[in-house]
Protein backbone atom coordinates (compact mmCIF):
# COMPACT_ATOMS: atom_id res chain seq x y z
CA MET A 1 0.00 0.00 0.00
CA GLU A 2 1.10 3.55 -0.65
CA LYS A 3 2.39 5.52 2.29
CA GLY A 4 1.48 8.99 3.49
CA LYS A 5 -1.70 10.83 2.83
CA ASN A 6 -3.37 7.96 0.98
CA GLU A 7 -3.38 5.88 4.17
CA LYS A 8 -6.59 7.30 5.56
CA TRP A 9 -8.09 5.48 8.55
CA VAL A 10 -11.53 5.33 10.13
CA PHE A 11 -12.40 3.98 13.57
CA ILE A 12 -16.02 2.83 13.75
CA VAL A 13 -17.02 2.80 17.42
CA ASN A 14 -20.06 1.09 18.89
CA PRO A 15 -20.39 3.29 21.98
CA ILE A 16 -22.49 0.84 24.02
CA ALA A 17 -20.18 -2.16 23.46
CA GLY A 18 -18.68 -3.62 26.62
CA ASN A 19 -21.17 -1.76 28.82
CA ASN A 20 -20.05 1.54 27.25
CA TYR A 21 -16.35 0.67 27.47
CA ALA A 22 -15.96 1.35 23.73
CA GLU A 23 -17.11 4.95 24.14
CA SER A 24 -14.80 5.42 27.12
CA ILE A 25 -11.68 4.68 25.05
CA VAL A 26 -12.41 7.23 22.31
CA PRO A 27 -9.98 9.72 23.97
CA LYS A 28 -7.33 6.96 23.96
CA ILE A 29 -7.93 6.35 20.25
CA ARG A 30 -7.46 10.06 19.58
CA GLN A 31 -4.23 9.98 21.59
CA GLU A 32 -2.92 7.02 19.60
CA ILE A 33 -3.87 8.67 16.30
CA GLU A 34 -1.80 11.69 17.31
CA LYS A 35 1.08 9.57 18.59
CA HIS A 36 1.35 7.54 15.39
CA LYS A 37 0.70 10.55 13.14
CA ILE A 38 -2.03 8.99 11.01
CA ASP A 39 -4.87 10.62 9.10
CA ALA A 40 -7.97 9.21 10.77
CA ASP A 41 -11.65 9.77 11.43
CA ILE A 42 -13.63 8.50 14.42
CA VAL A 43 -17.33 7.80 13.94
CA LEU A 44 -19.88 6.39 16.38
CA THR A 45 -22.68 4.00 15.49
CA GLU A 46 -26.24 4.98 16.33
CA ARG A 47 -28.21 1.79 15.79
CA LYS A 48 -27.99 -1.89 14.89
CA GLY A 49 -26.55 -2.32 11.39
CA HIS A 50 -25.14 1.21 11.30
CA ALA A 51 -21.52 -0.05 11.44
CA THR A 52 -22.01 -1.75 8.06
CA VAL A 53 -23.32 1.46 6.50
CA LEU A 54 -20.39 3.44 7.92
CA ALA A 55 -17.88 0.87 6.67
CA GLU A 56 -19.38 0.90 3.18
CA GLU A 57 -19.17 4.70 3.13
CA ALA A 58 -15.55 4.55 4.28
CA VAL A 59 -14.61 2.26 1.40
CA LYS A 60 -16.32 4.58 -1.09
CA THR A 61 -14.49 7.62 0.28
CA GLY A 62 -11.07 6.01 -0.08
CA HIS A 63 -10.23 4.94 3.46
CA ARG A 64 -7.50 2.29 3.41
CA TYR A 65 -7.88 1.10 7.00
CA VAL A 66 -11.28 0.45 8.54
CA VAL A 67 -11.22 -0.43 12.24
CA ALA A 68 -14.10 -1.82 14.32
CA VAL A 69 -14.11 -0.71 17.96
CA GLY A 70 -16.46 -2.96 19.91
CA GLY A 71 -17.26 -6.64 20.33
CA ASP A 72 -17.80 -9.52 17.94
CA GLY A 73 -21.11 -8.15 16.68
CA THR A 74 -19.61 -4.77 15.83
CA PHE A 75 -16.71 -6.46 14.08
CA ASN A 76 -19.06 -8.64 12.02
CA GLU A 77 -21.03 -5.57 10.89
CA VAL A 78 -17.88 -3.74 9.82
CA ALA A 79 -16.10 -6.71 8.30
CA LYS A 80 -18.92 -7.85 6.01
CA ALA A 81 -18.70 -4.53 4.17
CA LEU A 82 -15.06 -5.27 3.30
CA VAL A 83 -15.27 -8.86 2.04
CA GLY A 84 -13.50 -9.09 -1.32
CA SER A 85 -12.08 -5.56 -1.10
CA SER A 86 -8.37 -6.09 -1.74
CA LYS A 87 -7.43 -2.41 -1.36
CA VAL A 88 -8.81 -2.04 2.17
CA THR A 89 -7.39 -3.46 5.39
CA LEU A 90 -9.58 -4.39 8.35
CA GLY A 91 -8.70 -3.95 12.00
CA ILE A 92 -10.32 -4.46 15.38
CA VAL A 93 -9.84 -2.76 18.72
CA PRO A 94 -11.55 -5.16 21.16
CA ALA A 95 -14.01 -3.32 23.38
CA GLY A 96 -16.91 -5.74 23.80
CA THR A 97 -17.76 -8.28 26.48
CA GLY A 98 -16.70 -11.64 25.05
CA ASN A 99 -14.26 -10.57 22.33
CA ASP A 100 -13.86 -14.09 20.96
CA PHE A 101 -12.84 -13.07 17.45
CA VAL A 102 -9.79 -11.01 18.40
CA GLN A 103 -8.10 -14.16 19.76
CA ILE A 104 -7.59 -15.25 16.15
CA LEU A 105 -5.39 -12.21 15.60
CA GLY A 106 -3.08 -12.71 18.56
CA PHE A 107 -4.42 -9.73 20.52
CA PRO A 108 -5.93 -9.82 24.05
CA ASN A 109 -9.39 -8.68 25.15
CA ARG A 110 -8.03 -5.23 26.01
CA PHE A 111 -5.08 -3.37 24.48
CA SER A 112 -2.08 -2.33 26.57
CA GLU A 113 0.38 0.32 25.32
CA GLU A 114 2.39 -2.48 23.73
CA HIS A 115 -0.60 -3.74 21.78
CA TRP A 116 -1.46 -0.28 20.46
CA ASP A 117 2.09 -0.02 19.10
CA VAL A 118 1.88 -3.47 17.53
CA PHE A 119 -1.49 -2.62 16.01
CA PHE A 120 -0.13 0.47 14.28
CA GLU A 121 2.75 -1.52 12.80
CA LYS A 122 0.00 -2.71 10.41
CA THR A 123 1.25 -6.27 10.01
CA THR A 124 -1.34 -7.71 7.65
CA THR A 125 -2.47 -11.11 6.46
CA CYS A 126 -5.39 -12.48 4.45
CA MET A 127 -8.18 -14.28 6.30
CA ASP A 128 -10.88 -16.71 5.21
CA VAL A 129 -14.56 -15.84 5.57
CA GLY A 130 -17.42 -18.26 6.19
CA VAL A 131 -20.78 -18.00 4.45
CA CYS A 132 -24.05 -19.44 5.77
CA ASN A 133 -27.29 -18.88 3.87
CA ASN A 134 -25.67 -15.89 2.11
CA ASN A 135 -24.62 -14.23 5.39
CA TYR A 136 -20.97 -13.88 6.39
CA PHE A 137 -19.32 -15.11 9.57
CA PHE A 138 -15.73 -14.46 10.63
CA ASN A 139 -15.46 -16.59 13.75
CA GLY A 140 -18.14 -19.27 13.51
CA MET A 141 -21.73 -20.42 13.22
CA GLY A 142 -23.48 -22.70 15.65
CA LEU A 143 -26.52 -24.96 15.93
CA GLY A 144 -27.91 -26.82 18.91
CA PHE A 145 -27.30 -26.13 22.59
CA ASP A 146 -25.49 -22.77 22.27
CA ALA A 147 -27.97 -21.45 19.70
CA GLU A 148 -30.87 -22.50 21.92
CA VAL A 149 -29.37 -20.55 24.83
CA ALA A 150 -29.09 -17.52 22.55
CA SER A 151 -32.70 -17.92 21.43
CA GLN A 152 -33.94 -18.02 25.04
CA ASN A 153 -32.08 -14.80 25.75
CA TYR A 154 -33.49 -13.32 22.55
CA ARG A 155 -37.06 -14.16 23.57
CA ASP A 156 -36.56 -12.44 26.92
CA GLU A 157 -35.20 -9.30 25.26
CA GLY A 158 -38.07 -9.29 22.78
CA GLN A 159 -40.53 -9.38 25.67
CA VAL A 160 -38.59 -6.68 27.54
CA LYS A 161 -37.82 -9.02 30.41
CA LYS A 162 -34.91 -8.26 32.71
CA GLY A 163 -32.39 -10.34 34.56
CA GLY A 164 -28.97 -9.62 33.08
CA LYS A 165 -26.20 -12.10 33.78
CA ASP A 166 -28.29 -14.12 36.24
CA LYS A 167 -30.98 -14.64 33.60
CA TYR A 168 -28.33 -15.74 31.06
CA ILE A 169 -26.89 -18.26 33.52
CA TRP A 170 -30.40 -19.60 34.12
CA HIS A 171 -30.83 -20.04 30.35
CA ILE A 172 -27.62 -22.07 30.21
CA VAL A 173 -28.66 -24.31 33.10
CA SER A 174 -32.24 -24.82 31.91
CA THR A 175 -31.13 -25.53 28.34
CA LEU A 176 -28.52 -27.97 29.58
CA LEU A 177 -31.22 -29.82 31.51
CA PHE A 178 -34.07 -29.74 29.02
CA PHE A 179 -32.64 -29.31 25.51
CA ARG A 180 -33.68 -32.08 23.12
CA GLU A 181 -31.59 -32.85 20.08
CA ARG A 182 -33.38 -32.78 16.70
CA ASN A 183 -32.92 -34.92 13.61
CA MET A 184 -30.39 -33.33 11.26
CA LYS A 185 -29.52 -34.36 7.69
CA VAL A 186 -25.90 -33.73 6.72
CA LEU A 187 -24.53 -33.49 3.18
CA ASN A 188 -20.74 -33.38 3.03
CA ASN A 189 -18.48 -34.39 0.12
CA SER A 190 -21.45 -35.98 -1.72
CA HIS A 191 -22.19 -38.18 1.29
CA THR A 192 -25.50 -37.84 3.14
CA HIS A 193 -26.29 -39.11 6.62
CA GLU A 194 -28.70 -38.33 9.44
CA THR A 195 -27.81 -37.68 13.05
CA LYS A 196 -28.90 -35.93 16.22
CA CYS A 197 -26.46 -33.35 17.54
CA PHE A 198 -26.13 -31.63 20.88
CA ILE A 199 -23.85 -29.00 19.30
CA ASN A 200 -22.83 -28.44 15.69
CA THR A 201 -20.24 -25.70 15.17
CA VAL A 202 -18.72 -24.66 11.83
CA SER A 203 -15.88 -22.21 12.18
CA ILE A 204 -13.02 -20.05 11.00
CA GLY A 205 -11.81 -19.35 14.54
CA ARG A 206 -11.43 -21.39 17.69
CA ARG A 207 -13.05 -19.65 20.66
CA PHE A 208 -16.72 -18.98 21.45
CA ALA A 209 -18.81 -17.68 24.39
CA GLY A 210 -15.85 -15.99 26.05
CA GLY A 211 -13.66 -19.05 26.51
CA PHE A 212 -15.04 -22.24 24.94
CA PHE A 213 -12.64 -23.72 22.39
CA LEU A 214 -15.17 -25.71 20.37
CA THR A 215 -12.90 -25.90 17.32
CA PRO A 216 -9.43 -25.81 18.91
CA GLU A 217 -7.49 -26.73 15.76
CA ALA A 218 -8.98 -24.13 13.41
CA ILE A 219 -6.61 -22.05 11.28
CA ALA A 220 -8.11 -18.85 9.92
CA ASN A 221 -6.32 -18.86 6.56
CA ASP A 222 -6.12 -22.52 5.59
CA GLY A 223 -9.05 -22.39 3.14
CA GLU A 224 -11.13 -24.86 5.16
CA LEU A 225 -13.94 -24.82 7.70
CA ASP A 226 -13.49 -26.71 10.96
CA VAL A 227 -16.57 -28.65 12.05
CA CYS A 228 -17.26 -29.91 15.57
CA SER A 229 -20.35 -32.10 15.71
CA ILE A 230 -21.19 -33.44 19.17
CA LYS A 231 -23.64 -36.34 19.12
CA LYS A 232 -26.79 -36.75 21.19
CA LEU A 233 -25.79 -36.87 24.85
CA SER A 234 -27.24 -38.02 28.12
CA LEU A 235 -27.41 -35.39 30.85
CA LEU A 236 -24.31 -36.81 32.54
CA HIS A 237 -22.31 -36.74 29.31
CA ARG A 238 -23.44 -33.17 28.61
CA PHE A 239 -21.70 -32.07 31.79
CA ARG A 240 -18.65 -34.21 31.07
CA ILE A 241 -18.23 -32.90 27.53
CA LEU A 242 -18.79 -29.24 28.43
CA LEU A 243 -16.16 -29.45 31.16
CA LYS A 244 -13.64 -30.46 28.49
CA VAL A 245 -14.55 -27.72 25.99
CA PRO A 246 -12.72 -24.75 27.64
CA LYS A 247 -9.39 -26.49 26.94
CA GLY A 248 -10.44 -28.10 23.67
CA LYS A 249 -10.07 -31.64 25.06
CA HIS A 250 -13.56 -32.69 23.97
CA ILE A 251 -12.46 -33.44 20.40
CA HIS A 252 -10.86 -36.68 21.61
CA ASP A 253 -14.17 -37.98 22.96
CA LYS A 254 -15.83 -40.72 20.89
CA ARG A 255 -19.09 -38.75 20.89
CA VAL A 256 -17.45 -35.89 18.99
CA ASN A 257 -16.96 -35.83 15.23
CA TYR A 258 -14.30 -33.26 14.31
CA PHE A 259 -13.33 -32.67 10.69
CA ARG A 260 -12.50 -30.07 8.03
CA THR A 261 -14.35 -29.27 4.85
CA LYS A 262 -14.81 -26.52 2.27
CA GLU A 263 -18.59 -26.76 2.33
CA ILE A 264 -21.39 -28.52 4.16
CA ASP A 265 -25.19 -28.57 3.87
CA LEU A 266 -27.46 -29.21 6.86
CA GLU A 267 -31.22 -29.69 7.00
CA PHE A 268 -33.83 -30.00 9.77
CA ASP A 269 -37.51 -30.89 9.56
CA LYS A 270 -38.44 -27.49 11.04
CA ARG A 271 -36.91 -24.09 11.72
CA VAL A 272 -34.27 -24.00 14.45
CA PRO A 273 -32.19 -21.20 15.96
CA TYR A 274 -28.61 -20.69 14.84
CA HIS A 275 -26.03 -17.99 15.37
CA LEU A 276 -23.41 -16.33 13.20
CA ASP A 277 -20.69 -14.71 15.34
CA GLY A 278 -23.28 -14.57 18.13
CA GLU A 279 -26.06 -13.00 16.04
CA LEU A 280 -29.28 -15.04 16.15
CA PHE A 281 -31.17 -16.32 13.09
CA PHE A 282 -33.72 -19.07 12.35
CA SER A 283 -33.92 -21.54 9.45
CA ASN A 284 -34.39 -25.23 8.63
CA LYS A 285 -31.77 -25.41 5.82
CA PHE A 286 -28.14 -24.36 5.98
CA LYS A 287 -25.75 -24.01 3.08
CA VAL A 288 -22.30 -23.31 4.48
CA ASN A 289 -19.11 -22.66 2.52
CA ILE A 290 -15.85 -20.74 2.70
CA LEU A 291 -14.33 -17.79 0.85
CA PRO A 292 -10.54 -18.24 1.09
CA SER A 293 -8.41 -15.14 1.78
CA ALA A 294 -11.43 -12.85 1.45
CA VAL A 295 -10.34 -10.00 3.76
CA ASN A 296 -7.06 -8.28 4.63
CA ILE A 297 -6.63 -7.87 8.38
CA ILE A 298 -4.15 -6.50 10.91
CA TYR A 299 -2.80 -9.12 13.31
CA ASN A 300 -0.12 -9.58 15.95
CA ALA A 301 2.56 -11.72 14.33
CA ASN A 302 4.37 -12.10 17.66
CA GLY A 303 1.25 -13.11 19.59
CA THR A 304 -0.53 -16.46 19.78
CA HIS A 305 -2.51 -16.05 16.58
CA PHE A 306 -4.41 -18.67 14.57
CA PHE A 307 -2.83 -18.17 11.14
CA THR A 308 -0.30 -20.16 9.18
CA GLU A 309 2.72 -18.02 8.33
CA ASN A 310 3.05 -17.19 4.63
């Protein structure tokens, strides 16, 4: 990329991310812009989906670096506007609650002074992008237990119920106790079979829900999707498997089918909840595939990132 004045940046901030943490670091962003002598704008989102609009406008107005400041949802909104844009580089300043995606890049949940300096070194790589039912995901998509928990939380929000973290924990416990696996038809590499799954995760990254390594061997630029399909479980085995997930040890269990593929089709007999990078949707058919090296992104080459070195 050309140096100097052509390297215009924009920081797209979701002010309410991380319980308003994102808004609180706007002065720090301004300080870093001054310190590193870059030409940059800072814009704040005003509503759901606004980050995508702002990112699209930034591309049209010649910005070369587009940075999401927020959590995984904010990043997804910004990033999907840049898929296939070879002249624009994507970045993320983690400021959300879970911040699962940023682990791929070798950065922590919150930047220290060292990480700001590394970020502005602009070390860049290409990253794969997942596609499910024509929607992009950059970390992963999930069906089953975790999607059902998300749908319970969604129903409460839709009915303006309150409860915060305690309510979310109750959703996890109640779903763990009462969730019933549904019949699922799987088409992969021209082979079709039927199964019942407790969890079915298809991913680019490794970490979900703030610390669960469902796909612990995923590489974000290998041109393949990692799939973790956990079979129907008894209540006892649900607890046993989930205790192994934080360290990624579950993939060695005989009830877990772990594999890689470039595409996979899934079908249920009725609509079920699913999530893309934590965003909830509903469908009964899922066409999932990968776009290799579809976005340019800043990462920490010296950190524990999930890329193969070129």
